[in-house]
Amino acid sequence: MCFDGQRAPVHCIVPPHMLRVLEMRGDARQAELARAMLAQGAKIRDERCAEAARVGSPMLRTRGGDGFVARTFAEAAAAPHLDRRIHDGEEKAALPGRLLRSEGEDPTGDPDADAAYDMAGAVHELYFQRFERDSLDGEGMPLVATVHHRRKFNNAFWNGTQMAYGDGDGELFTSFLELSVVGHEMSHGVVQFSGGLIYQGQSGALNESFADVFGSMTRQHAEKTDACAADWLIGKGILGPGISGEALRSMRMPGTAYNDPLLGQDPQPYHMDLYVNTQDDNGGVHINSGIPNHAFYLYCMLFGGEAWLTPGRIWYRALQQLNNPYASFSDWAVETMQAGIALFSTGSREVIALRRAWKLVGISV
């Protein structure tokens, strides 16, 4: 992984630990596929690092909603900058590829391109309507995406400037155009342009958790589902027909999303007592994110209603106010408490429930 606090790593939805299990347990063809995916991920990160070194990619501290913004929300509301640009990668590695659909144009007839267009709009809608943020950078940046990236590519990623979606091989994965996945990956862009969280250890797990939280909220918001009725799954339905599992991750029950002979068992913990110390995956960023994920889920259950209202506002404000890219889980819990107090009051129901949610995952604030 390449990062230095000023540059963004590539964020892929399929975690390395899944691929390493496949490499060990799969047959010769599957093991080679896993090695190829790991190598492709490393190559993509290297390309991203080279581009960042060439042009620079500062983490802009643009804030929206309850934080600070370069433009007022009144200005943004008068002219929201929804600018979607969907490209066809034509199963090649080069990005972004051939432009298929720009903002306001009619559907292309390519189901993946049109789904990517619609889902990017759903992400923009959540952030703009509920958190007063105009696009990922808060300044109306174009939402660029590529579909049909590489041949049978089993992943989707945000590379610091755009989204890319593989088609899947039809066996391990079917499609990556699922709304919680799209919301997750694009939310890495929000983290990037909100000061960033270093992609290592607990701060990296918080980076992944924020993306999961807002990925889940994107689907809930689009489906008009309240927190109690939501399934809280990330990547629901993207696993292949022969894979035993329902998603990549579960915020409601971390560690239960899948249990498959080829891909292993979901390793996410739900409590600090089960925290996984590992050198793999930048210190387990896709694994230990289950703990803050579960805290957010519990808070939503304790409080009720739509996740994007009180809980979402607190999480979004906390990110905008956070001034520590190396934040630990405890640091983040404190930041959410401060956000809750600022929005409500010290003894409010909102803050009391939030403290309880953190305690239930083993973090006292």
Protein backbone atom coordinates (compact mmCIF):
# COMPACT_ATOMS: atom_id res chain seq x y z
CA MET A 1 0.00 0.00 0.00
CA CYS A 2 1.21 3.48 -0.85
CA PHE A 3 0.30 6.39 1.37
CA ASP A 4 2.00 9.19 3.21
CA GLY A 5 -0.88 11.19 4.65
CA GLN A 6 -1.01 13.38 1.56
CA ARG A 7 -1.90 10.80 -1.06
CA ALA A 8 -4.80 8.41 -1.34
CA PRO A 9 -4.37 4.64 -1.62
CA VAL A 10 -6.47 2.57 -3.97
CA HIS A 11 -9.47 1.11 -2.16
CA CYS A 12 -10.80 -2.23 -3.42
CA ILE A 13 -14.06 -3.75 -2.20
CA VAL A 14 -12.79 -7.36 -2.13
CA PRO A 15 -10.41 -7.64 0.84
CA PRO A 16 -6.99 -9.32 0.55
CA HIS A 17 -7.76 -11.85 3.30
CA MET A 18 -10.49 -13.34 1.10
CA LEU A 19 -8.05 -13.75 -1.78
CA ARG A 20 -5.34 -15.30 0.39
CA VAL A 21 -7.76 -17.98 1.61
CA LEU A 22 -8.77 -18.65 -2.00
CA GLU A 23 -5.11 -18.96 -2.93
CA MET A 24 -4.59 -21.60 -0.23
CA ARG A 25 -7.83 -23.57 -0.60
CA GLY A 26 -8.64 -23.30 -4.28
CA ASP A 27 -7.63 -25.62 -7.07
CA ALA A 28 -4.79 -24.67 -9.40
CA ARG A 29 -6.97 -22.40 -11.54
CA GLN A 30 -8.58 -20.68 -8.54
CA ALA A 31 -5.23 -20.23 -6.79
CA GLU A 32 -3.83 -18.62 -9.92
CA LEU A 33 -6.90 -16.36 -10.10
CA ALA A 34 -6.34 -15.26 -6.49
CA ARG A 35 -2.65 -14.53 -7.15
CA ALA A 36 -3.60 -12.58 -10.26
CA MET A 37 -6.13 -10.51 -8.31
CA LEU A 38 -3.60 -9.77 -5.58
CA ALA A 39 -1.04 -8.79 -8.21
CA GLN A 40 -3.57 -6.63 -10.04
CA GLY A 41 -4.41 -4.85 -6.81
CA ALA A 42 -0.73 -4.18 -6.17
CA LYS A 43 -0.26 -2.92 -9.74
CA ILE A 44 -3.25 -0.59 -9.44
CA ARG A 45 -1.84 0.79 -6.18
CA ASP A 46 1.56 1.32 -7.79
CA GLU A 47 -0.04 3.16 -10.72
CA ARG A 48 -2.00 5.32 -8.31
CA CYS A 49 1.15 6.10 -6.34
CA ALA A 50 3.06 7.03 -9.48
CA GLU A 51 0.26 9.36 -10.58
CA ALA A 52 0.04 10.91 -7.12
CA ALA A 53 3.80 11.51 -7.15
CA ARG A 54 3.53 13.12 -10.59
CA VAL A 55 0.70 15.56 -9.95
CA GLY A 56 0.25 15.49 -6.18
CA SER A 57 -3.01 14.62 -4.49
CA PRO A 58 -3.45 16.70 -1.35
CA MET A 59 -6.18 15.73 1.06
CA LEU A 60 -8.40 18.77 0.84
CA ARG A 61 -10.06 19.76 4.08
CA THR A 62 -13.37 20.63 2.42
CA ARG A 63 -16.21 20.33 4.86
CA GLY A 64 -19.93 20.26 4.41
CA GLY A 65 -23.08 20.36 6.49
CA ASP A 66 -22.16 20.89 10.11
CA GLY A 67 -18.52 21.64 9.27
CA PHE A 68 -17.01 24.27 7.03
CA VAL A 69 -17.49 24.66 3.27
CA ALA A 70 -15.69 26.71 0.65
CA ARG A 71 -19.06 27.64 -0.84
CA THR A 72 -22.17 28.19 1.26
CA PHE A 73 -24.88 25.56 1.00
CA ALA A 74 -27.22 28.21 -0.38
CA GLU A 75 -24.83 28.57 -3.30
CA ALA A 76 -24.59 24.81 -3.71
CA ALA A 77 -28.36 24.35 -3.51
CA ALA A 78 -28.86 26.92 -6.23
CA ALA A 79 -26.67 24.95 -8.61
CA PRO A 80 -25.79 21.41 -7.47
CA HIS A 81 -22.97 19.98 -9.51
CA LEU A 82 -24.19 16.51 -10.42
CA ASP A 83 -21.84 15.63 -13.26
CA ARG A 84 -21.71 11.90 -14.00
CA ARG A 85 -19.36 10.51 -16.65
CA ILE A 86 -19.57 6.77 -17.28
CA HIS A 87 -16.97 5.03 -19.46
CA ASP A 88 -16.58 1.62 -21.08
CA GLY A 89 -13.27 0.03 -20.12
CA GLU A 90 -13.73 -2.55 -22.90
CA GLU A 91 -12.12 -5.19 -20.62
CA LYS A 92 -8.82 -3.29 -20.70
CA ALA A 93 -6.70 -1.95 -17.85
CA ALA A 94 -6.44 1.65 -19.06
CA LEU A 95 -8.68 4.20 -17.35
CA PRO A 96 -11.09 5.78 -17.86
CA GLY A 97 -11.85 4.25 -21.30
CA ARG A 98 -14.45 5.27 -23.89
CA LEU A 99 -17.07 7.74 -22.69
CA LEU A 100 -20.53 6.14 -22.84
CA ARG A 101 -22.85 8.48 -20.96
CA SER A 102 -22.54 12.02 -19.67
CA GLU A 103 -24.82 13.91 -17.32
CA GLY A 104 -28.35 14.30 -18.65
CA GLU A 105 -27.97 11.91 -21.56
CA ASP A 106 -30.40 9.09 -22.27
CA PRO A 107 -29.67 5.52 -21.13
CA THR A 108 -27.08 3.72 -23.23
CA GLY A 109 -28.64 0.28 -23.31
CA ASP A 110 -25.60 -1.12 -21.53
CA PRO A 111 -27.09 -2.30 -18.20
CA ASP A 112 -23.83 -1.83 -16.30
CA ALA A 113 -23.21 1.68 -17.60
CA ASP A 114 -26.75 2.75 -16.82
CA ALA A 115 -26.62 1.16 -13.36
CA ALA A 116 -23.32 2.94 -12.61
CA TYR A 117 -24.92 6.22 -13.72
CA ASP A 118 -28.00 5.75 -11.53
CA MET A 119 -26.03 4.58 -8.50
CA ALA A 120 -23.61 7.49 -8.68
CA GLY A 121 -26.68 9.71 -8.62
CA ALA A 122 -27.98 7.94 -5.51
CA VAL A 123 -24.68 8.53 -3.70
CA HIS A 124 -24.69 12.20 -4.69
CA GLU A 125 -28.31 12.50 -3.53
CA LEU A 126 -27.56 11.12 -0.06
CA TYR A 127 -24.63 13.45 0.54
CA PHE A 128 -26.27 16.50 -1.01
CA GLN A 129 -29.76 16.19 0.47
CA ARG A 130 -28.82 14.90 3.91
CA PHE A 131 -25.35 16.33 4.60
CA GLU A 132 -25.22 19.39 2.33
CA ARG A 133 -22.18 18.07 0.51
CA ASP A 134 -21.95 18.71 -3.22
CA SER A 135 -20.17 15.67 -4.65
CA LEU A 136 -17.27 13.80 -3.08
CA ASP A 137 -14.98 16.79 -2.65
CA GLY A 138 -17.73 19.16 -1.50
CA GLU A 139 -17.07 21.29 -4.58
CA GLY A 140 -19.06 19.47 -7.23
CA MET A 141 -16.30 17.32 -8.72
CA PRO A 142 -17.33 15.10 -11.66
CA LEU A 143 -18.31 11.56 -10.74
CA VAL A 144 -16.22 9.49 -13.13
CA ALA A 145 -16.65 5.74 -13.42
CA THR A 146 -15.54 2.90 -15.69
CA VAL A 147 -17.54 -0.28 -16.22
CA HIS A 148 -16.17 -3.47 -17.83
CA HIS A 149 -12.74 -2.80 -16.31
CA ARG A 150 -10.37 -5.62 -17.31
CA ARG A 151 -11.61 -9.06 -18.33
CA LYS A 152 -13.68 -10.89 -15.70
CA PHE A 153 -12.16 -8.60 -13.07
CA ASN A 154 -13.32 -9.63 -9.60
CA ASN A 155 -13.22 -6.27 -7.89
CA ALA A 156 -14.33 -2.64 -7.79
CA PHE A 157 -12.25 0.27 -6.56
CA TRP A 158 -11.88 4.00 -5.98
CA ASN A 159 -8.42 5.09 -7.11
CA GLY A 160 -8.43 8.63 -5.78
CA THR A 161 -10.05 10.19 -8.84
CA GLN A 162 -12.63 7.75 -10.19
CA MET A 163 -14.52 4.49 -9.73
CA ALA A 164 -13.83 1.28 -11.69
CA TYR A 165 -16.02 -1.82 -11.78
CA GLY A 166 -15.11 -5.30 -12.97
CA ASP A 167 -17.73 -7.63 -14.42
CA GLY A 168 -16.86 -10.51 -12.11
CA ASP A 169 -16.12 -14.01 -13.36
CA GLY A 170 -19.62 -15.34 -12.72
CA GLU A 171 -18.30 -17.93 -10.27
CA LEU A 172 -16.78 -16.14 -7.30
CA PHE A 173 -18.52 -12.83 -7.97
CA THR A 174 -21.40 -11.93 -10.25
CA SER A 175 -21.40 -8.12 -10.34
CA PHE A 176 -20.00 -5.22 -8.36
CA LEU A 177 -22.72 -2.78 -9.32
CA GLU A 178 -24.58 -3.10 -6.03
CA LEU A 179 -25.57 0.11 -4.28
CA SER A 180 -23.85 -0.47 -0.94
CA VAL A 181 -20.63 -1.31 -2.83
CA VAL A 182 -20.88 1.83 -4.96
CA GLY A 183 -21.69 3.95 -1.91
CA HIS A 184 -18.82 2.36 0.01
CA GLU A 185 -16.19 2.99 -2.66
CA MET A 186 -17.31 6.53 -3.43
CA SER A 187 -17.36 7.31 0.29
CA HIS A 188 -13.63 6.62 0.35
CA GLY A 189 -13.49 9.74 -1.79
CA VAL A 190 -15.39 11.67 0.87
CA VAL A 191 -12.88 10.53 3.48
CA GLN A 192 -10.03 11.49 1.14
CA PHE A 193 -11.33 15.02 0.62
CA SER A 194 -12.23 15.48 4.29
CA GLY A 195 -8.68 15.25 5.57
CA GLY A 196 -8.21 11.50 5.26
CA LEU A 197 -7.64 8.63 7.65
CA ILE A 198 -4.27 6.91 7.21
CA TYR A 199 -4.85 3.49 5.71
CA GLN A 200 -3.14 1.45 8.42
CA GLY A 201 -4.27 -0.17 11.64
CA GLN A 202 -7.19 1.40 13.47
CA SER A 203 -7.28 4.59 11.41
CA GLY A 204 -7.41 2.45 8.27
CA ALA A 205 -10.20 0.36 9.77
CA LEU A 206 -12.06 3.60 10.52
CA ASN A 207 -11.58 4.59 6.88
CA GLU A 208 -13.17 1.30 5.84
CA SER A 209 -15.89 1.60 8.46
CA PHE A 210 -16.93 5.10 7.39
CA ALA A 211 -17.21 3.79 3.83
CA ASP A 212 -19.34 0.84 5.02
CA VAL A 213 -21.57 3.08 7.13
CA PHE A 214 -22.28 5.44 4.26
CA GLY A 215 -22.45 2.62 1.74
CA SER A 216 -25.20 1.00 3.79
CA MET A 217 -26.92 4.35 4.26
CA THR A 218 -26.83 4.97 0.50
CA ARG A 219 -28.90 1.84 -0.10
CA GLN A 220 -31.21 2.53 2.83
CA HIS A 221 -31.77 6.09 1.62
CA ALA A 222 -32.50 5.01 -1.95
CA GLU A 223 -34.87 2.27 -0.79
CA LYS A 224 -36.47 4.52 1.87
CA THR A 225 -35.74 1.91 4.52
CA ASP A 226 -35.43 2.78 8.19
CA ALA A 227 -32.64 1.38 10.35
CA CYS A 228 -34.73 -1.36 11.95
CA ALA A 229 -35.91 -2.73 8.60
CA ALA A 230 -32.49 -2.57 6.90
CA ASP A 231 -30.37 -5.70 6.41
CA TRP A 232 -27.06 -3.88 7.08
CA LEU A 233 -25.19 -5.97 4.51
CA ILE A 234 -22.31 -4.68 2.39
CA GLY A 235 -22.17 -6.27 -1.04
CA LYS A 236 -25.46 -8.14 -0.79
CA GLY A 237 -25.88 -10.54 -3.68
CA ILE A 238 -22.50 -10.02 -5.35
CA LEU A 239 -21.12 -13.43 -4.36
CA GLY A 240 -21.24 -16.13 -7.02
CA PRO A 241 -24.05 -18.72 -7.14
CA GLY A 242 -21.85 -21.46 -5.67
CA ILE A 243 -20.48 -19.38 -2.80
CA SER A 244 -21.96 -19.92 0.64
CA GLY A 245 -22.73 -16.44 1.94
CA GLU A 246 -24.99 -13.46 1.52
CA ALA A 247 -22.54 -10.54 1.35
CA LEU A 248 -18.97 -9.36 1.97
CA ARG A 249 -19.72 -7.95 5.42
CA SER A 250 -22.55 -7.65 7.92
CA MET A 251 -22.76 -4.60 10.17
CA ARG A 252 -25.56 -6.22 12.16
CA MET A 253 -23.61 -9.42 12.84
CA PRO A 254 -19.93 -9.02 11.92
CA GLY A 255 -18.34 -12.40 11.26
CA THR A 256 -21.44 -13.98 9.69
CA ALA A 257 -21.60 -12.59 6.14
CA TYR A 258 -20.10 -15.69 4.54
CA ASN A 259 -18.70 -19.09 5.42
CA ASP A 260 -17.43 -20.88 2.35
CA PRO A 261 -14.94 -23.70 1.70
CA LEU A 262 -13.12 -21.58 -0.89
CA LEU A 263 -13.29 -18.09 0.63
CA GLY A 264 -13.16 -19.09 4.28
CA GLN A 265 -15.24 -17.59 7.07
CA ASP A 266 -15.94 -13.91 7.55
CA PRO A 267 -13.24 -12.88 10.09
CA GLN A 268 -14.75 -9.60 11.31
CA PRO A 269 -14.99 -9.07 15.09
CA TYR A 270 -17.87 -7.21 16.73
CA HIS A 271 -16.11 -6.32 20.03
CA MET A 272 -12.70 -5.07 21.12
CA ASP A 273 -12.13 -8.32 23.02
CA LEU A 274 -11.95 -10.00 19.60
CA TYR A 275 -9.72 -7.41 17.91
CA VAL A 276 -7.45 -9.10 15.34
CA ASN A 277 -3.74 -8.22 15.46
CA THR A 278 -2.28 -8.91 12.02
CA GLN A 279 0.25 -7.49 9.59
CA ASP A 280 -1.87 -8.49 6.60
CA ASP A 281 -4.21 -6.02 4.88
CA ASN A 282 -2.47 -2.98 6.37
CA GLY A 283 -3.10 -4.20 9.88
CA GLY A 284 -6.50 -5.77 9.24
CA VAL A 285 -8.33 -2.69 7.98
CA HIS A 286 -11.10 -4.76 6.35
CA ILE A 287 -11.32 -7.04 9.39
CA ASN A 288 -11.34 -4.80 12.46
CA SER A 289 -13.68 -2.32 10.78
CA GLY A 290 -16.38 -4.67 12.05
CA ILE A 291 -16.08 -3.10 15.51
CA PRO A 292 -16.95 0.53 14.64
CA ASN A 293 -19.42 -0.82 12.05
CA HIS A 294 -21.25 -2.67 14.80
CA ALA A 295 -21.17 0.38 17.07
CA PHE A 296 -22.94 2.42 14.39
CA TYR A 297 -25.50 -0.34 13.85
CA LEU A 298 -26.18 -0.60 17.60
CA TYR A 299 -26.58 3.15 17.86
CA CYS A 300 -29.15 3.07 15.07
CA MET A 301 -31.00 0.26 16.84
CA LEU A 302 -30.96 2.07 20.16
CA PHE A 303 -32.13 5.31 18.62
CA GLY A 304 -34.45 4.12 15.84
CA GLY A 305 -35.65 5.93 12.75
CA GLU A 306 -33.67 6.55 9.58
CA ALA A 307 -29.93 6.04 9.87
CA TRP A 308 -29.08 9.18 7.89
CA LEU A 309 -30.83 11.47 10.35
CA THR A 310 -29.33 11.53 13.86
CA PRO A 311 -26.64 8.79 13.59
CA GLY A 312 -25.58 9.81 10.08
CA ARG A 313 -25.35 13.48 11.00
CA ILE A 314 -23.14 12.66 13.98
CA TRP A 315 -20.81 10.39 11.95
CA TYR A 316 -20.57 12.91 9.13
CA ARG A 317 -19.88 15.83 11.46
CA ALA A 318 -17.27 13.79 13.34
CA LEU A 319 -15.36 13.20 10.11
CA GLN A 320 -15.46 16.87 9.21
CA GLN A 321 -14.23 17.92 12.65
CA LEU A 322 -11.62 15.18 13.01
CA ASN A 323 -8.11 16.58 12.91
CA ASN A 324 -6.19 13.36 13.43
CA PRO A 325 -5.51 11.16 10.38
CA TYR A 326 -4.03 8.51 12.72
CA ALA A 327 -7.18 8.33 14.89
CA SER A 328 -7.75 5.19 16.96
CA PHE A 329 -11.16 3.68 17.65
CA SER A 330 -11.19 5.46 21.01
CA ASP A 331 -10.31 8.76 19.34
CA TRP A 332 -13.14 8.30 16.87
CA ALA A 333 -15.61 7.40 19.63
CA VAL A 334 -14.69 10.60 21.46
CA GLU A 335 -15.07 12.60 18.23
CA THR A 336 -18.56 11.18 17.66
CA MET A 337 -19.50 12.01 21.24
CA GLN A 338 -18.32 15.59 20.77
CA ALA A 339 -20.29 15.80 17.54
CA GLY A 340 -23.37 14.49 19.32
CA ILE A 341 -23.00 17.01 22.13
CA ALA A 342 -22.54 19.86 19.64
CA LEU A 343 -25.63 18.85 17.69
CA PHE A 344 -27.80 18.02 20.70
CA SER A 345 -26.63 18.31 24.34
CA THR A 346 -24.57 16.46 26.91
CA GLY A 347 -27.50 14.75 28.62
CA SER A 348 -29.62 14.26 25.53
CA ARG A 349 -31.13 10.94 24.52
CA GLU A 350 -28.97 11.05 21.41
CA VAL A 351 -25.72 11.25 23.36
CA ILE A 352 -26.72 8.75 26.05
CA ALA A 353 -27.59 6.14 23.41
CA LEU A 354 -24.32 6.84 21.58
CA ARG A 355 -22.24 6.26 24.71
CA ARG A 356 -24.12 3.01 25.28
CA ALA A 357 -23.44 1.82 21.72
CA TRP A 358 -19.69 2.35 22.08
CA LYS A 359 -19.67 0.59 25.46
CA LEU A 360 -21.41 -2.42 23.89
CA VAL A 361 -18.44 -2.94 21.55
CA GLY A 362 -15.91 -2.51 24.36
CA ILE A 363 -15.03 1.19 24.00
CA SER A 364 -15.73 3.47 26.96
CA VAL A 365 -16.16 7.20 26.38
